[in-house]
Each structure stands twice: as C-alpha cells, then as structure tokens.
Amino acid sequence: MIQRIDAEKCVGCGVCAEKCPLDTIRLRGGKAVIAYPDDCMTCFICERVCPAGAIFVHPFKEKLPPVFPGPAFENVEGNDLRDREEYHA
C-alpha cells in the first residue's frame, strides 16, 4: 500500500498517476495524492517512476504467500501455511 506521498518533494509531473494500473493516485492542486489507498496493489510502479522520489510504498504485501503455490515457491518465506498460528487453531 502507498504509505505516503511527500508533497514537498512532489513536482506534479503526473507520471505516477499515469502509470498506476489501478488509478490509486490522482493529481490535485498540482501535486500527487493518494485518492484510493485501499485499491493499491503494492506493485511499486509509482515509487519507481517518481523522478522526485516523493512516493513511499509500504512493502507489507511482499510477505504474503504467492497466489499460485507450488514447488517453485516452496522457499518463499511465509508460503507454508502450516507454519502459521491460524492454521493450528
């Protein structure tokens, strides 16, 4: 999820809003703002394309297991649901 956009660093170029696949970021008053924070899929595109380094994405979704579990993902931390407390409840 997008943690914050530093308005002081933002130059208002709009690249982040243009590249966001879910339309999470909008330009208001010449600055980027998080319009729909719950829609963010944590893809990091906005953070990577921001020329001013004004966007900070919280990486919490990286720790979730992949959508397609299988042998290719066995070594991914947190992928084994048997290790989770709620599995044993």
PDB file of N, CA and C in Angstrom:
ATOM      1  N   MET A   1       0.844  -1.174   0.000  1.00  0.00           N
ATOM      2  CA  MET A   1       0.000   0.000   0.000  1.00  0.00           C
ATOM      3  C   MET A   1       0.889   1.237   0.000  1.00  0.00           C
ATOM      4  N   ILE A   2       0.425   2.285  -0.653  1.00  0.00           N
ATOM      5  CA  ILE A   2       1.178   3.531  -0.668  1.00  0.00           C
ATOM      6  C   ILE A   2       1.139   4.114   0.733  1.00  0.00           C
ATOM      7  N   GLN A   3       2.300   4.265   1.324  1.00  0.00           N
ATOM      8  CA  GLN A   3       2.373   4.770   2.689  1.00  0.00           C
ATOM      9  C   GLN A   3       2.184   6.279   2.723  1.00  0.00           C
ATOM     10  N   ARG A   4       2.884   6.980   1.823  1.00  0.00           N
ATOM     11  CA  ARG A   4       2.725   8.433   1.784  1.00  0.00           C
ATOM     12  C   ARG A   4       3.334   8.997   0.508  1.00  0.00           C
ATOM     13  N   ILE A   5       2.895  10.216   0.196  1.00  0.00           N
ATOM     14  CA  ILE A   5       3.477  10.990  -0.893  1.00  0.00           C
ATOM     15  C   ILE A   5       3.937  12.303  -0.273  1.00  0.00           C
ATOM     16  N   ASP A   6       5.224  12.569  -0.367  1.00  0.00           N
ATOM     17  CA  ASP A   6       5.804  13.779   0.211  1.00  0.00           C
ATOM     18  C   ASP A   6       5.479  14.965  -0.705  1.00  0.00           C
ATOM     19  N   ALA A   7       4.543  15.802  -0.263  1.00  0.00           N
ATOM     20  CA  ALA A   7       4.093  16.939  -1.079  1.00  0.00           C
ATOM     21  C   ALA A   7       5.206  17.942  -1.342  1.00  0.00           C
ATOM     22  N   GLU A   8       6.161  18.036  -0.435  1.00  0.00           N
ATOM     23  CA  GLU A   8       7.273  18.969  -0.640  1.00  0.00           C
ATOM     24  C   GLU A   8       8.201  18.509  -1.749  1.00  0.00           C
ATOM     25  N   LYS A   9       8.360  17.197  -1.896  1.00  0.00           N
ATOM     26  CA  LYS A   9       9.225  16.657  -2.943  1.00  0.00           C
ATOM     27  C   LYS A   9       8.510  16.532  -4.288  1.00  0.00           C
ATOM     28  N   CYS A  10       7.194  16.332  -4.252  1.00  0.00           N
ATOM     29  CA  CYS A  10       6.413  16.106  -5.471  1.00  0.00           C
ATOM     30  C   CYS A  10       6.515  17.321  -6.404  1.00  0.00           C
ATOM     31  N   VAL A  11       6.847  17.043  -7.665  1.00  0.00           N
ATOM     32  CA  VAL A  11       6.960  18.114  -8.662  1.00  0.00           C
ATOM     33  C   VAL A  11       5.704  18.216  -9.527  1.00  0.00           C
ATOM     34  N   GLY A  12       4.730  17.344  -9.285  1.00  0.00           N
ATOM     35  CA  GLY A  12       3.471  17.401 -10.010  1.00  0.00           C
ATOM     36  C   GLY A  12       3.537  16.970 -11.458  1.00  0.00           C
ATOM     37  N   CYS A  13       4.467  16.109 -11.790  1.00  0.00           N
ATOM     38  CA  CYS A  13       4.624  15.686 -13.187  1.00  0.00           C
ATOM     39  C   CYS A  13       3.500  14.758 -13.649  1.00  0.00           C
ATOM     40  N   GLY A  14       2.886  14.035 -12.729  1.00  0.00           N
ATOM     41  CA  GLY A  14       1.776  13.152 -13.073  1.00  0.00           C
ATOM     42  C   GLY A  14       2.141  11.784 -13.580  1.00  0.00           C
ATOM     43  N   VAL A  15       3.416  11.456 -13.619  1.00  0.00           N
ATOM     44  CA  VAL A  15       3.844  10.152 -14.121  1.00  0.00           C
ATOM     45  C   VAL A  15       3.283   9.031 -13.257  1.00  0.00           C
ATOM     46  N   CYS A  16       3.263   9.222 -11.962  1.00  0.00           N
ATOM     47  CA  CYS A  16       2.755   8.195 -11.058  1.00  0.00           C
ATOM     48  C   CYS A  16       1.279   7.909 -11.317  1.00  0.00           C
ATOM     49  N   ALA A  17       0.493   8.949 -11.470  1.00  0.00           N
ATOM     50  CA  ALA A  17      -0.941   8.800 -11.734  1.00  0.00           C
ATOM     51  C   ALA A  17      -1.178   8.136 -13.091  1.00  0.00           C
ATOM     52  N   GLU A  18      -0.350   8.472 -14.046  1.00  0.00           N
ATOM     53  CA  GLU A  18      -0.471   7.909 -15.390  1.00  0.00           C
ATOM     54  C   GLU A  18      -0.130   6.422 -15.411  1.00  0.00           C
ATOM     55  N   LYS A  19       0.870   6.016 -14.662  1.00  0.00           N
ATOM     56  CA  LYS A  19       1.355   4.634 -14.696  1.00  0.00           C
ATOM     57  C   LYS A  19       0.639   3.707 -13.720  1.00  0.00           C
ATOM     58  N   CYS A  20      -0.078   4.236 -12.727  1.00  0.00           N
ATOM     59  CA  CYS A  20      -0.752   3.400 -11.733  1.00  0.00           C
ATOM     60  C   CYS A  20      -1.812   2.534 -12.411  1.00  0.00           C
ATOM     61  N   PRO A  21      -1.687   1.206 -12.326  1.00  0.00           N
ATOM     62  CA  PRO A  21      -2.635   0.333 -13.015  1.00  0.00           C
ATOM     63  C   PRO A  21      -4.040   0.347 -12.408  1.00  0.00           C
ATOM     64  N   LEU A  22      -4.177   0.802 -11.162  1.00  0.00           N
ATOM     65  CA  LEU A  22      -5.487   0.797 -10.517  1.00  0.00           C
ATOM     66  C   LEU A  22      -6.030   2.190 -10.228  1.00  0.00           C
ATOM     67  N   ASP A  23      -5.416   3.223 -10.795  1.00  0.00           N
ATOM     68  CA  ASP A  23      -5.903   4.586 -10.639  1.00  0.00           C
ATOM     69  C   ASP A  23      -5.968   5.004  -9.167  1.00  0.00           C
ATOM     70  N   THR A  24      -4.998   4.581  -8.390  1.00  0.00           N
ATOM     71  CA  THR A  24      -4.944   4.889  -6.958  1.00  0.00           C
ATOM     72  C   THR A  24      -4.499   6.320  -6.701  1.00  0.00           C
ATOM     73  N   ILE A  25      -3.651   6.845  -7.574  1.00  0.00           N
ATOM     74  CA  ILE A  25      -3.075   8.182  -7.393  1.00  0.00           C
ATOM     75  C   ILE A  25      -3.738   9.161  -8.358  1.00  0.00           C
ATOM     76  N   ARG A  26      -4.001  10.348  -7.860  1.00  0.00           N
ATOM     77  CA  ARG A  26      -4.566  11.425  -8.679  1.00  0.00           C
ATOM     78  C   ARG A  26      -3.753  12.685  -8.457  1.00  0.00           C
ATOM     79  N   LEU A  27      -3.854  13.629  -9.376  1.00  0.00           N
ATOM     80  CA  LEU A  27      -3.234  14.944  -9.204  1.00  0.00           C
ATOM     81  C   LEU A  27      -4.301  15.919  -8.729  1.00  0.00           C
ATOM     82  N   ARG A  28      -3.996  16.609  -7.647  1.00  0.00           N
ATOM     83  CA  ARG A  28      -4.892  17.641  -7.127  1.00  0.00           C
ATOM     84  C   ARG A  28      -4.048  18.843  -6.727  1.00  0.00           C
ATOM     85  N   GLY A  29      -4.414  19.984  -7.250  1.00  0.00           N
ATOM     86  CA  GLY A  29      -3.668  21.193  -6.915  1.00  0.00           C
ATOM     87  C   GLY A  29      -2.225  21.133  -7.364  1.00  0.00           C
ATOM     88  N   GLY A  30      -1.969  20.397  -8.438  1.00  0.00           N
ATOM     89  CA  GLY A  30      -0.612  20.300  -8.970  1.00  0.00           C
ATOM     90  C   GLY A  30       0.300  19.357  -8.210  1.00  0.00           C
ATOM     91  N   LYS A  31      -0.266  18.515  -7.331  1.00  0.00           N
ATOM     92  CA  LYS A  31       0.518  17.547  -6.559  1.00  0.00           C
ATOM     93  C   LYS A  31      -0.167  16.193  -6.600  1.00  0.00           C
ATOM     94  N   ALA A  32       0.606  15.132  -6.491  1.00  0.00           N
ATOM     95  CA  ALA A  32       0.054  13.785  -6.445  1.00  0.00           C
ATOM     96  C   ALA A  32      -0.525  13.520  -5.068  1.00  0.00           C
ATOM     97  N   VAL A  33      -1.685  12.876  -5.039  1.00  0.00           N
ATOM     98  CA  VAL A  33      -2.328  12.494  -3.781  1.00  0.00           C
ATOM     99  C   VAL A  33      -2.810  11.054  -3.895  1.00  0.00           C
ATOM    100  N   ILE A  34      -2.930  10.403  -2.757  1.00  0.00           N
ATOM    101  CA  ILE A  34      -3.444   9.040  -2.717  1.00  0.00           C
ATOM    102  C   ILE A  34      -4.968   9.143  -2.690  1.00  0.00           C
ATOM    103  N   ALA A  35      -5.602   8.891  -3.815  1.00  0.00           N
ATOM    104  CA  ALA A  35      -7.048   9.042  -3.922  1.00  0.00           C
ATOM    105  C   ALA A  35      -7.797   7.822  -3.390  1.00  0.00           C
ATOM    106  N   TYR A  36      -7.280   6.638  -3.655  1.00  0.00           N
ATOM    107  CA  TYR A  36      -7.939   5.393  -3.256  1.00  0.00           C
ATOM    108  C   TYR A  36      -6.921   4.442  -2.629  1.00  0.00           C
ATOM    109  N   PRO A  37      -6.530   4.675  -1.374  1.00  0.00           N
ATOM    110  CA  PRO A  37      -5.468   3.880  -0.754  1.00  0.00           C
ATOM    111  C   PRO A  37      -5.768   2.383  -0.677  1.00  0.00           C
ATOM    112  N   ASP A  38      -7.017   2.011  -0.500  1.00  0.00           N
ATOM    113  CA  ASP A  38      -7.360   0.594  -0.384  1.00  0.00           C
ATOM    114  C   ASP A  38      -7.254  -0.151  -1.707  1.00  0.00           C
ATOM    115  N   ASP A  39      -7.190   0.584  -2.812  1.00  0.00           N
ATOM    116  CA  ASP A  39      -7.077  -0.058  -4.122  1.00  0.00           C
ATOM    117  C   ASP A  39      -5.633  -0.387  -4.501  1.00  0.00           C
ATOM    118  N   CYS A  40      -4.677   0.140  -3.759  1.00  0.00           N
ATOM    119  CA  CYS A  40      -3.258  -0.079  -4.078  1.00  0.00           C
ATOM    120  C   CYS A  40      -2.919  -1.563  -4.005  1.00  0.00           C
ATOM    121  N   MET A  41      -2.284  -2.074  -5.049  1.00  0.00           N
ATOM    122  CA  MET A  41      -1.895  -3.487  -5.072  1.00  0.00           C
ATOM    123  C   MET A  41      -0.411  -3.687  -4.762  1.00  0.00           C
ATOM    124  N   THR A  42       0.246  -2.645  -4.297  1.00  0.00           N
ATOM    125  CA  THR A  42       1.650  -2.701  -3.882  1.00  0.00           C
ATOM    126  C   THR A  42       2.546  -3.210  -5.002  1.00  0.00           C
ATOM    127  N   CYS A  43       2.392  -2.638  -6.179  1.00  0.00           N
ATOM    128  CA  CYS A  43       3.211  -3.046  -7.327  1.00  0.00           C
ATOM    129  C   CYS A  43       4.515  -2.243  -7.415  1.00  0.00           C
ATOM    130  N   PHE A  44       4.606  -1.139  -6.663  1.00  0.00           N
ATOM    131  CA  PHE A  44       5.797  -0.288  -6.601  1.00  0.00           C
ATOM    132  C   PHE A  44       6.071   0.506  -7.877  1.00  0.00           C
ATOM    133  N   ILE A  45       5.177   0.463  -8.853  1.00  0.00           N
ATOM    134  CA  ILE A  45       5.403   1.199 -10.098  1.00  0.00           C
ATOM    135  C   ILE A  45       5.515   2.691  -9.812  1.00  0.00           C
ATOM    136  N   CYS A  46       4.588   3.228  -9.022  1.00  0.00           N
ATOM    137  CA  CYS A  46       4.595   4.665  -8.742  1.00  0.00           C
ATOM    138  C   CYS A  46       5.889   5.092  -8.059  1.00  0.00           C
ATOM    139  N   GLU A  47       6.344   4.289  -7.113  1.00  0.00           N
ATOM    140  CA  GLU A  47       7.578   4.611  -6.396  1.00  0.00           C
ATOM    141  C   GLU A  47       8.777   4.601  -7.337  1.00  0.00           C
ATOM    142  N   ARG A  48       8.807   3.659  -8.254  1.00  0.00           N
ATOM    143  CA  ARG A  48       9.939   3.538  -9.182  1.00  0.00           C
ATOM    144  C   ARG A  48       9.954   4.622 -10.254  1.00  0.00           C
ATOM    145  N   VAL A  49       8.765   5.065 -10.698  1.00  0.00           N
ATOM    146  CA  VAL A  49       8.740   6.053 -11.782  1.00  0.00           C
ATOM    147  C   VAL A  49       8.802   7.496 -11.292  1.00  0.00           C
ATOM    148  N   CYS A  50       8.632   7.723  -9.998  1.00  0.00           N
ATOM    149  CA  CYS A  50       8.634   9.090  -9.473  1.00  0.00           C
ATOM    150  C   CYS A  50      10.033   9.692  -9.591  1.00  0.00           C
ATOM    151  N   PRO A  51      10.198  10.726 -10.419  1.00  0.00           N
ATOM    152  CA  PRO A  51      11.525  11.314 -10.613  1.00  0.00           C
ATOM    153  C   PRO A  51      12.028  12.085  -9.389  1.00  0.00           C
ATOM    154  N   ALA A  52      11.110  12.480  -8.513  1.00  0.00           N
ATOM    155  CA  ALA A  52      11.490  13.253  -7.329  1.00  0.00           C
ATOM    156  C   ALA A  52      11.691  12.390  -6.091  1.00  0.00           C
ATOM    157  N   GLY A  53      11.355  11.102  -6.176  1.00  0.00           N
ATOM    158  CA  GLY A  53      11.471  10.225  -5.008  1.00  0.00           C
ATOM    159  C   GLY A  53      10.489  10.602  -3.911  1.00  0.00           C
ATOM    160  N   ALA A  54       9.299  11.059  -4.295  1.00  0.00           N
ATOM    161  CA  ALA A  54       8.322  11.551  -3.327  1.00  0.00           C
ATOM    162  C   ALA A  54       7.359  10.480  -2.821  1.00  0.00           C
ATOM    163  N   ILE A  55       7.353   9.314  -3.442  1.00  0.00           N
ATOM    164  CA  ILE A  55       6.384   8.276  -3.085  1.00  0.00           C
ATOM    165  C   ILE A  55       7.067   7.152  -2.316  1.00  0.00           C
ATOM    166  N   PHE A  56       6.410   6.739  -1.230  1.00  0.00           N
ATOM    167  CA  PHE A  56       6.920   5.665  -0.394  1.00  0.00           C
ATOM    168  C   PHE A  56       5.847   4.593  -0.260  1.00  0.00           C
ATOM    169  N   VAL A  57       6.124   3.402  -0.775  1.00  0.00           N
ATOM    170  CA  VAL A  57       5.195   2.286  -0.721  1.00  0.00           C
ATOM    171  C   VAL A  57       5.620   1.356   0.400  1.00  0.00           C
ATOM    172  N   HIS A  58       4.662   1.009   1.260  1.00  0.00           N
ATOM    173  CA  HIS A  58       4.948   0.088   2.360  1.00  0.00           C
ATOM    174  C   HIS A  58       4.952  -1.331   1.802  1.00  0.00           C
ATOM    175  N   PRO A  59       6.006  -2.092   2.040  1.00  0.00           N
ATOM    176  CA  PRO A  59       6.142  -3.408   1.405  1.00  0.00           C
ATOM    177  C   PRO A  59       5.427  -4.548   2.109  1.00  0.00           C
ATOM    178  N   PHE A  60       4.405  -4.285   2.926  1.00  0.00           N
ATOM    179  CA  PHE A  60       3.799  -5.356   3.705  1.00  0.00           C
ATOM    180  C   PHE A  60       3.235  -6.484   2.849  1.00  0.00           C
ATOM    181  N   LYS A  61       2.765  -6.217   1.655  1.00  0.00           N
ATOM    182  CA  LYS A  61       2.178  -7.270   0.836  1.00  0.00           C
ATOM    183  C   LYS A  61       3.215  -8.235   0.289  1.00  0.00           C
ATOM    184  N   GLU A  62       4.476  -7.847   0.282  1.00  0.00           N
ATOM    185  CA  GLU A  62       5.523  -8.746  -0.205  1.00  0.00           C
ATOM    186  C   GLU A  62       5.635  -9.998   0.649  1.00  0.00           C
ATOM    187  N   LYS A  63       5.210  -9.948   1.906  1.00  0.00           N
ATOM    188  CA  LYS A  63       5.359 -11.080   2.808  1.00  0.00           C
ATOM    189  C   LYS A  63       4.218 -12.078   2.711  1.00  0.00           C
ATOM    190  N   LEU A  64       3.190 -11.755   1.929  1.00  0.00           N
ATOM    191  CA  LEU A  64       2.094 -12.695   1.749  1.00  0.00           C
ATOM    192  C   LEU A  64       2.541 -13.827   0.830  1.00  0.00           C
ATOM    193  N   PRO A  65       1.945 -15.001   0.983  1.00  0.00           N
ATOM    194  CA  PRO A  65       2.305 -16.101   0.091  1.00  0.00           C
ATOM    195  C   PRO A  65       1.852 -15.815  -1.330  1.00  0.00           C
ATOM    196  N   PRO A  66       2.509 -16.402  -2.309  1.00  0.00           N
ATOM    197  CA  PRO A  66       2.130 -16.179  -3.700  1.00  0.00           C
ATOM    198  C   PRO A  66       0.745 -16.742  -3.983  1.00  0.00           C
ATOM    199  N   VAL A  67       0.137 -16.260  -5.042  1.00  0.00           N
ATOM    200  CA  VAL A  67      -1.197 -16.695  -5.418  1.00  0.00           C
ATOM    201  C   VAL A  67      -1.184 -18.141  -5.913  1.00  0.00           C
ATOM    202  N   PHE A  68      -0.102 -18.540  -6.554  1.00  0.00           N
ATOM    203  CA  PHE A  68      -0.003 -19.883  -7.101  1.00  0.00           C
ATOM    204  C   PHE A  68       1.049 -20.692  -6.358  1.00  0.00           C
ATOM    205  N   PRO A  69       0.671 -21.314  -5.245  1.00  0.00           N
ATOM    206  CA  PRO A  69       1.661 -22.104  -4.509  1.00  0.00           C
ATOM    207  C   PRO A  69       2.087 -23.326  -5.316  1.00  0.00           C
ATOM    208  N   GLY A  70       3.246 -23.778  -5.055  1.00  0.00           N
ATOM    209  CA  GLY A  70       3.754 -24.951  -5.745  1.00  0.00           C
ATOM    210  C   GLY A  70       5.249 -25.064  -5.536  1.00  0.00           C
ATOM    211  N   PRO A  71       5.870 -26.020  -6.191  1.00  0.00           N
ATOM    212  CA  PRO A  71       7.302 -26.264  -5.995  1.00  0.00           C
ATOM    213  C   PRO A  71       8.183 -25.040  -6.247  1.00  0.00           C
ATOM    214  N   ALA A  72       7.797 -24.194  -7.175  1.00  0.00           N
ATOM    215  CA  ALA A  72       8.617 -23.018  -7.483  1.00  0.00           C
ATOM    216  C   ALA A  72       8.608 -22.009  -6.340  1.00  0.00           C
ATOM    217  N   PHE A  73       7.642 -22.120  -5.439  1.00  0.00           N
ATOM    218  CA  PHE A  73       7.508 -21.148  -4.370  1.00  0.00           C
ATOM    219  C   PHE A  73       7.774 -21.737  -2.984  1.00  0.00           C
ATOM    220  N   GLU A  74       8.259 -22.956  -2.905  1.00  0.00           N
ATOM    221  CA  GLU A  74       8.459 -23.607  -1.615  1.00  0.00           C
ATOM    222  C   GLU A  74       9.404 -22.844  -0.707  1.00  0.00           C
ATOM    223  N   ASN A  75      10.397 -22.180  -1.261  1.00  0.00           N
ATOM    224  CA  ASN A  75      11.388 -21.483  -0.443  1.00  0.00           C
ATOM    225  C   ASN A  75      11.026 -20.041  -0.137  1.00  0.00           C
ATOM    226  N   VAL A  76       9.824 -19.607  -0.519  1.00  0.00           N
ATOM    227  CA  VAL A  76       9.384 -18.247  -0.243  1.00  0.00           C
ATOM    228  C   VAL A  76       8.948 -18.169   1.208  1.00  0.00           C
ATOM    229  N   GLU A  77       9.519 -17.225   1.948  1.00  0.00           N
ATOM    230  CA  GLU A  77       9.193 -17.072   3.359  1.00  0.00           C
ATOM    231  C   GLU A  77       7.699 -16.835   3.543  1.00  0.00           C
ATOM    232  N   GLY A  78       7.091 -17.585   4.453  1.00  0.00           N
ATOM    233  CA  GLY A  78       5.679 -17.426   4.741  1.00  0.00           C
ATOM    234  C   GLY A  78       4.762 -18.201   3.811  1.00  0.00           C
ATOM    235  N   ASN A  79       5.326 -18.965   2.879  1.00  0.00           N
ATOM    236  CA  ASN A  79       4.499 -19.683   1.925  1.00  0.00           C
ATOM    237  C   ASN A  79       3.886 -20.952   2.515  1.00  0.00           C
ATOM    238  N   ASP A  80       4.510 -21.525   3.517  1.00  0.00           N
ATOM    239  CA  ASP A  80       3.985 -22.748   4.109  1.00  0.00           C
ATOM    240  C   ASP A  80       2.940 -22.377   5.152  1.00  0.00           C
ATOM    241  N   LEU A  81       1.680 -22.555   4.824  1.00  0.00           N
ATOM    242  CA  LEU A  81       0.594 -22.180   5.723  1.00  0.00           C
ATOM    243  C   LEU A  81       0.615 -22.980   7.022  1.00  0.00           C
ATOM    244  N   ARG A  82       1.265 -24.119   7.019  1.00  0.00           N
ATOM    245  CA  ARG A  82       1.340 -24.940   8.244  1.00  0.00           C
ATOM    246  C   ARG A  82       2.155 -24.256   9.322  1.00  0.00           C
ATOM    247  N   ASP A  83       2.982 -23.293   8.947  1.00  0.00           N
ATOM    248  CA  ASP A  83       3.793 -22.568   9.918  1.00  0.00           C
ATOM    249  C   ASP A  83       3.014 -21.439  10.595  1.00  0.00           C
ATOM    250  N   ARG A  84       1.851 -21.147  10.116  1.00  0.00           N
ATOM    251  CA  ARG A  84       1.074 -20.019  10.649  1.00  0.00           C
ATOM    252  C   ARG A  84       0.232 -20.478  11.842  1.00  0.00           C
ATOM    253  N   GLU A  85       0.074 -19.570  12.804  1.00  0.00           N
ATOM    254  CA  GLU A  85      -0.706 -19.876  14.014  1.00  0.00           C
ATOM    255  C   GLU A  85      -2.152 -20.200  13.689  1.00  0.00           C
ATOM    256  N   GLU A  86      -2.756 -19.455  12.778  1.00  0.00           N
ATOM    257  CA  GLU A  86      -4.171 -19.665  12.493  1.00  0.00           C
ATOM    258  C   GLU A  86      -4.439 -21.029  11.870  1.00  0.00           C
ATOM    259  N   TYR A  87      -3.407 -21.654  11.306  1.00  0.00           N
ATOM    260  CA  TYR A  87      -3.545 -22.982  10.729  1.00  0.00           C
ATOM    261  C   TYR A  87      -3.769 -24.003  11.840  1.00  0.00           C
ATOM    262  N   HIS A  88      -3.148 -23.776  12.987  1.00  0.00           N
ATOM    263  CA  HIS A  88      -3.230 -24.709  14.109  1.00  0.00           C
ATOM    264  C   HIS A  88      -4.425 -24.448  15.014  1.00  0.00           C
ATOM    265  N   ALA A  89      -5.162 -23.391  14.767  1.00  0.00           N
ATOM    266  CA  ALA A  89      -6.287 -23.037  15.637  1.00  0.00           C
ATOM    267  C   ALA A  89      -7.476 -23.932  15.413  1.00  0.00           C
TER     268      ALA A  89
END
